[in-house]
Each structure stands twice: as C-alpha cells, then as structure tokens.
Amino acid sequence: MLGIVDFALCGVAAMAAGTVNALAGGGTLISFPTMTAVGIPSVAANVTNTVALCPGMFGGIMAQRRDLTGQRRRLLLTVPIGIVGGIVGGVLLINTGERSFRALVPYLILVATLLLAAQGRLRAWLIRQHGHQHRPPGPSNVSAPVGLAAIYGGYFGAGLGVILLATLGLVLDDSLTRLNALKQTIALSVNLSAAIYFAFSGKVVWPVALVMAACALIGGSLGGRLAGRVHPATLRTIIVVLGVIIAVVYLVK
C-alpha cells in the first residue's frame, strides 16, 4: 500500500522526468527507478510510467511548437511510424516481459549517444555515400530507424529521445533545436499509442499515474521552454552526457 510520501516521490520524479524528456530524452531513468523503489512491480512500473509521462511530452511540444514550423512533411511521415511502433513495442512488453530486453538497454543507449556525439562527421560521410549530393538524405530515409526506435520506445523507452535525436541528426539537415522539437513529437506518438494499449492491459497503477501525469505536464512545459533557449552545442553536450550516464547506470545494475 503506497503512502503520501510514496506518491510525493513519484510526483517529483515525474516532474524531473518531464523536464529531462523535453530537453534530451531519458526521463524514464528518473521515474522508473523511483517507482520500483516505492514498491511498484517492475512491469507495472514500466507500464504506468509510459502512461504518466505522456502529458509531460505534450507540454514540451506545446512549448516548442514554433520549432515545428515547416516540418509538416516530416511529421506526416514519422508520426504514423511512431504510432505503429509504439503499439508493437507495447504488445511485446505485455506478452514477453522485460528481463531480456533490459540486458540490451545500456548498449542501445550507448550506441545512440556515440552516434549523436559523432553527428557532424557521420552526416558528411552519409552525404558522400549518397552520390556526393549537396544536401543530406531526405526524410524518407528516416522510416526504418524511426520504426525500430519506436518499437524500442513502446517496450521500455529509456533513452528513446537520445536514439531518435541521433537518428534524425544523421539524416536531416537542420538545427538541433528544430530536430529536438521533431523528436519530441515522434516520442509522444510512440508513448501515447503504447499508453492507450497499456490502459486496457490491467497493469496500470492509476492513482500513481494520475499524480505523475500532472507533475510531468509541468516538467515538460518547463523543459520545452528551456530547450528553445539553450545553444545547440550546449544542448548536444547535455544529451551526450545524459546518454552516457544512462548507459553506465544500466550497465552497473
């Protein structure tokens, strides 16, 4: 039986996670361990966390909506992929559990972080590989990696933002702030579709989810406003450092 202190801890963790998700992704690293620490079983915590953090992501998108201007084509392509991938990942989680997947999480996050750190050189290499074009590959090349990331996000989600931002940075020529806004929208489509599926799974701890959802909305709005004011190089450094921390934490668990 959860007490007031437990609810308060989950609420604070959700606010912090909403802020982190708006900035770089990886907020699950804060909220998920907090939920398990107060006694919520891991699968139920994972499912509840996905449901609870969706409002925070929406808040982040609203705060960064100006950075989505001119990205309609990208949204029309990637959001449906995110929805399908989120549902697939959710089905896999409910039917297979999380133990084997959690063993892979630190390696996936670390690879995504390294890709983001080497974004400039890798982008130049991709341009050379595509017939020496004068612009990076088009949005259609994002489909497969975004789909795989969406399945990952629906299944667990820690570091989804890092993986998405690394992918988008490699194949789209745009500022990191605008790509961050696009990443936020895709991540929301992944988590919202998985959350809707989880809502009918019988595993959501609804009292905790409601408290965390309200707090995540506040945190997401705060993080979204901050992301728009942070210099791209600074934001990239924050994301890379966060990705390494996430990977190390999961490796030593």
Protein backbone atom coordinates (compact mmCIF):
# COMPACT_ATOMS: atom_id res chain seq x y z
CA MET A 1 0.00 0.00 0.00
CA LEU A 2 1.51 3.29 -1.10
CA GLY A 3 1.61 6.23 1.29
CA ILE A 4 1.63 10.00 0.83
CA VAL A 5 5.44 10.11 0.78
CA ASP A 6 5.49 7.48 -1.98
CA PHE A 7 3.07 9.50 -4.09
CA ALA A 8 5.12 12.65 -3.48
CA LEU A 9 8.34 10.93 -4.55
CA CYS A 10 6.71 9.65 -7.73
CA GLY A 11 5.33 13.12 -8.46
CA VAL A 12 8.72 14.82 -8.05
CA ALA A 13 10.35 12.13 -10.20
CA ALA A 14 7.72 12.64 -12.90
CA MET A 15 8.29 16.40 -12.93
CA ALA A 16 12.03 15.87 -13.31
CA ALA A 17 11.46 13.23 -16.00
CA GLY A 18 9.15 15.54 -17.94
CA THR A 19 11.80 18.26 -17.92
CA VAL A 20 14.57 15.88 -18.97
CA ASN A 21 12.44 14.37 -21.75
CA ALA A 22 11.77 17.83 -23.16
CA LEU A 23 15.48 18.64 -23.14
CA ALA A 24 17.10 15.42 -24.30
CA GLY A 25 15.10 12.29 -23.51
CA GLY A 26 15.89 9.67 -20.89
CA GLY A 27 13.45 10.82 -18.21
CA THR A 28 12.46 7.21 -17.62
CA LEU A 29 15.82 6.76 -15.89
CA ILE A 30 14.50 9.03 -13.14
CA SER A 31 10.87 7.98 -12.90
CA PHE A 32 11.09 4.20 -13.41
CA PRO A 33 13.64 3.51 -10.62
CA THR A 34 11.67 5.76 -8.27
CA MET A 35 8.50 3.77 -8.86
CA THR A 36 10.19 0.44 -8.26
CA ALA A 37 11.88 1.89 -5.14
CA VAL A 38 8.49 2.63 -3.56
CA GLY A 39 7.37 -0.96 -4.14
CA ILE A 40 5.65 -0.99 -7.53
CA PRO A 41 6.49 -4.18 -9.52
CA SER A 42 8.79 -3.51 -12.47
CA VAL A 43 6.39 -4.36 -15.29
CA ALA A 44 3.58 -2.37 -13.69
CA ALA A 45 6.02 0.49 -13.07
CA ASN A 46 7.11 0.44 -16.71
CA VAL A 47 3.53 0.47 -17.98
CA THR A 48 2.40 3.14 -15.51
CA ASN A 49 5.43 5.27 -16.31
CA THR A 50 4.60 5.27 -20.02
CA VAL A 51 1.03 6.38 -19.32
CA ALA A 52 2.08 9.03 -16.80
CA LEU A 53 4.79 10.76 -18.85
CA CYS A 54 2.68 11.40 -21.95
CA PRO A 55 1.25 14.73 -20.65
CA GLY A 56 4.77 15.97 -19.97
CA MET A 57 5.78 15.25 -23.55
CA PHE A 58 2.71 17.13 -24.80
CA GLY A 59 3.70 20.09 -22.67
CA GLY A 60 7.18 20.01 -24.18
CA ILE A 61 5.78 20.02 -27.71
CA MET A 62 3.49 22.96 -26.99
CA ALA A 63 6.44 24.93 -25.63
CA GLN A 64 8.48 24.16 -28.77
CA ARG A 65 5.68 24.33 -31.36
CA ARG A 66 7.36 27.23 -33.20
CA ASP A 67 10.30 24.94 -33.94
CA LEU A 68 7.92 22.57 -35.77
CA THR A 69 7.11 25.24 -38.38
CA GLY A 70 7.95 23.97 -41.87
CA GLN A 71 8.26 20.34 -40.74
CA ARG A 72 4.80 19.17 -41.85
CA ARG A 73 6.15 16.63 -44.35
CA ARG A 74 8.43 15.13 -41.73
CA LEU A 75 5.58 14.88 -39.23
CA LEU A 76 3.25 13.21 -41.73
CA LEU A 77 5.91 10.57 -42.35
CA THR A 78 7.29 9.91 -38.88
CA VAL A 79 4.26 10.23 -36.57
CA PRO A 80 2.32 7.27 -38.11
CA ILE A 81 5.50 5.19 -37.91
CA GLY A 82 5.84 6.16 -34.26
CA ILE A 83 2.24 5.13 -33.54
CA VAL A 84 2.61 1.69 -35.11
CA GLY A 85 5.99 1.10 -33.49
CA GLY A 86 4.71 2.12 -30.07
CA ILE A 87 1.86 -0.38 -30.25
CA VAL A 88 4.16 -3.17 -31.42
CA GLY A 89 6.57 -2.47 -28.58
CA GLY A 90 3.73 -2.40 -26.06
CA VAL A 91 2.42 -5.76 -27.25
CA LEU A 92 5.91 -7.24 -26.96
CA LEU A 93 6.27 -5.94 -23.40
CA ILE A 94 2.95 -7.30 -22.15
CA ASN A 95 3.49 -10.69 -23.77
CA THR A 96 7.21 -11.27 -23.23
CA GLY A 97 8.19 -9.27 -20.14
CA GLU A 98 11.22 -7.02 -19.81
CA ARG A 99 14.10 -9.07 -18.37
CA SER A 100 15.91 -9.98 -21.58
CA PHE A 101 15.33 -6.58 -23.10
CA ARG A 102 16.70 -4.72 -20.08
CA ALA A 103 20.01 -6.51 -20.65
CA LEU A 104 20.27 -4.79 -24.05
CA VAL A 105 19.18 -1.32 -22.95
CA PRO A 106 22.61 0.12 -21.94
CA TYR A 107 24.23 -0.96 -25.20
CA LEU A 108 21.47 0.51 -27.34
CA ILE A 109 21.62 3.81 -25.47
CA LEU A 110 25.41 3.94 -25.66
CA VAL A 111 25.39 3.38 -29.43
CA ALA A 112 22.82 6.15 -29.88
CA THR A 113 24.85 8.53 -27.73
CA LEU A 114 28.04 7.85 -29.70
CA LEU A 115 26.13 8.49 -32.94
CA LEU A 116 24.98 11.85 -31.65
CA ALA A 117 28.48 12.78 -30.48
CA ALA A 118 29.86 12.00 -33.96
CA GLN A 119 26.89 13.58 -35.74
CA GLY A 120 28.85 16.06 -37.88
CA ARG A 121 31.36 13.58 -39.28
CA LEU A 122 28.73 10.90 -39.84
CA ARG A 123 26.46 13.34 -41.67
CA ALA A 124 29.31 14.28 -44.01
CA TRP A 125 30.02 10.60 -44.64
CA LEU A 126 26.36 9.94 -45.43
CA ILE A 127 26.33 12.78 -47.95
CA ARG A 128 29.37 11.30 -49.72
CA GLN A 129 27.73 7.87 -49.78
CA HIS A 130 24.62 9.28 -51.48
CA GLY A 131 26.29 10.27 -54.71
CA HIS A 132 28.06 13.38 -53.42
CA GLN A 133 24.79 15.23 -53.03
CA HIS A 134 24.89 18.79 -51.77
CA ARG A 135 22.24 18.09 -49.16
CA PRO A 136 21.66 15.25 -46.66
CA PRO A 137 19.31 12.34 -47.45
CA GLY A 138 15.59 13.11 -47.44
CA PRO A 139 13.06 12.33 -44.69
CA SER A 140 12.05 9.02 -46.31
CA ASN A 141 15.38 7.55 -45.17
CA VAL A 142 14.27 8.03 -41.56
CA SER A 143 11.47 5.44 -41.78
CA ALA A 144 13.31 2.24 -40.83
CA PRO A 145 15.41 3.61 -37.94
CA VAL A 146 12.48 5.58 -36.52
CA GLY A 147 10.33 2.44 -36.72
CA LEU A 148 12.90 0.39 -34.79
CA ALA A 149 13.31 3.16 -32.22
CA ALA A 150 9.52 3.36 -31.84
CA ILE A 151 9.28 -0.36 -31.07
CA TYR A 152 12.05 0.09 -28.51
CA GLY A 153 10.20 3.05 -27.01
CA GLY A 154 6.94 1.17 -26.71
CA TYR A 155 8.73 -1.70 -24.99
CA PHE A 156 10.75 0.26 -22.43
CA GLY A 157 11.61 3.76 -23.57
CA ALA A 158 14.66 4.80 -21.53
CA GLY A 159 16.83 6.82 -23.87
CA LEU A 160 14.27 6.87 -26.68
CA GLY A 161 14.80 10.60 -27.13
CA VAL A 162 18.56 10.12 -27.43
CA ILE A 163 18.13 7.41 -30.06
CA LEU A 164 15.59 9.44 -32.05
CA LEU A 165 17.66 12.60 -31.96
CA ALA A 166 20.78 10.75 -33.05
CA THR A 167 18.86 9.22 -35.97
CA LEU A 168 17.29 12.50 -37.04
CA GLY A 169 20.61 14.32 -36.77
CA LEU A 170 22.29 11.87 -39.10
CA VAL A 171 19.82 12.10 -41.97
CA LEU A 172 18.19 15.53 -41.69
CA ASP A 173 19.94 18.86 -42.23
CA ASP A 174 18.51 21.19 -39.61
CA SER A 175 19.32 22.88 -36.32
CA LEU A 176 19.48 20.72 -33.21
CA THR A 177 16.69 22.75 -31.62
CA ARG A 178 14.29 22.04 -34.52
CA LEU A 179 15.27 18.37 -34.58
CA ASN A 180 14.65 18.24 -30.84
CA ALA A 181 11.09 19.50 -31.39
CA LEU A 182 10.55 16.85 -34.07
CA LYS A 183 11.98 14.22 -31.74
CA GLN A 184 9.54 15.31 -29.04
CA THR A 185 6.57 14.84 -31.38
CA ILE A 186 7.67 11.39 -32.52
CA ALA A 187 8.36 10.31 -28.93
CA LEU A 188 4.87 11.46 -27.94
CA SER A 189 3.27 9.44 -30.76
CA VAL A 190 5.22 6.37 -29.60
CA ASN A 191 4.37 6.75 -25.93
CA LEU A 192 0.75 7.80 -26.47
CA SER A 193 -0.03 4.80 -28.68
CA ALA A 194 1.68 2.44 -26.21
CA ALA A 195 -0.12 4.14 -23.31
CA ILE A 196 -3.53 3.65 -24.93
CA TYR A 197 -2.73 -0.04 -25.37
CA PHE A 198 -1.47 -0.31 -21.78
CA ALA A 199 -4.64 1.35 -20.47
CA PHE A 200 -6.52 -1.84 -21.32
CA SER A 201 -3.85 -4.20 -20.00
CA GLY A 202 -4.93 -4.11 -16.36
CA LYS A 203 -1.37 -3.30 -15.23
CA VAL A 204 -1.56 0.50 -14.87
CA VAL A 205 -1.43 1.76 -11.27
CA TRP A 206 -3.91 4.56 -11.95
CA PRO A 207 -3.63 6.62 -8.71
CA VAL A 208 0.13 6.92 -9.23
CA ALA A 209 -0.29 7.52 -12.97
CA LEU A 210 -2.64 10.48 -12.40
CA VAL A 211 -0.33 12.17 -9.89
CA MET A 212 2.68 11.65 -12.12
CA ALA A 213 0.84 12.83 -15.23
CA ALA A 214 0.03 16.22 -13.66
CA CYS A 215 3.62 16.66 -12.50
CA ALA A 216 5.07 15.52 -15.83
CA LEU A 217 2.98 18.12 -17.66
CA ILE A 218 4.54 20.87 -15.56
CA GLY A 219 8.03 19.48 -16.07
CA GLY A 220 7.56 19.06 -19.81
CA SER A 221 6.43 22.65 -20.25
CA LEU A 222 9.42 23.90 -18.27
CA GLY A 223 11.88 21.75 -20.22
CA GLY A 224 10.40 22.72 -23.56
CA ARG A 225 10.84 26.43 -22.86
CA LEU A 226 14.39 25.87 -21.66
CA ALA A 227 15.29 23.81 -24.75
CA GLY A 228 14.42 26.68 -27.04
CA ARG A 229 16.86 28.97 -25.24
CA VAL A 230 19.82 26.62 -24.97
CA HIS A 231 22.62 26.96 -27.57
CA PRO A 232 22.66 23.93 -29.94
CA ALA A 233 26.22 22.96 -28.94
CA THR A 234 25.26 23.11 -25.27
CA LEU A 235 22.14 21.04 -25.89
CA ARG A 236 24.17 18.44 -27.78
CA THR A 237 26.63 18.19 -24.87
CA ILE A 238 23.79 17.75 -22.38
CA ILE A 239 22.27 14.98 -24.48
CA VAL A 240 25.57 13.13 -24.92
CA VAL A 241 26.43 13.33 -21.22
CA LEU A 242 22.93 12.18 -20.30
CA GLY A 243 23.16 9.24 -22.69
CA VAL A 244 26.47 8.10 -21.20
CA ILE A 245 25.09 8.37 -17.67
CA ILE A 246 22.02 6.33 -18.62
CA ALA A 247 24.15 3.63 -20.21
CA VAL A 248 26.57 3.41 -17.28
CA VAL A 249 23.77 3.22 -14.72
CA TYR A 250 22.12 0.34 -16.54
CA LEU A 251 25.44 -1.44 -17.08
CA VAL A 252 26.27 -1.48 -13.37
CA LYS A 253 22.79 -2.50 -12.21
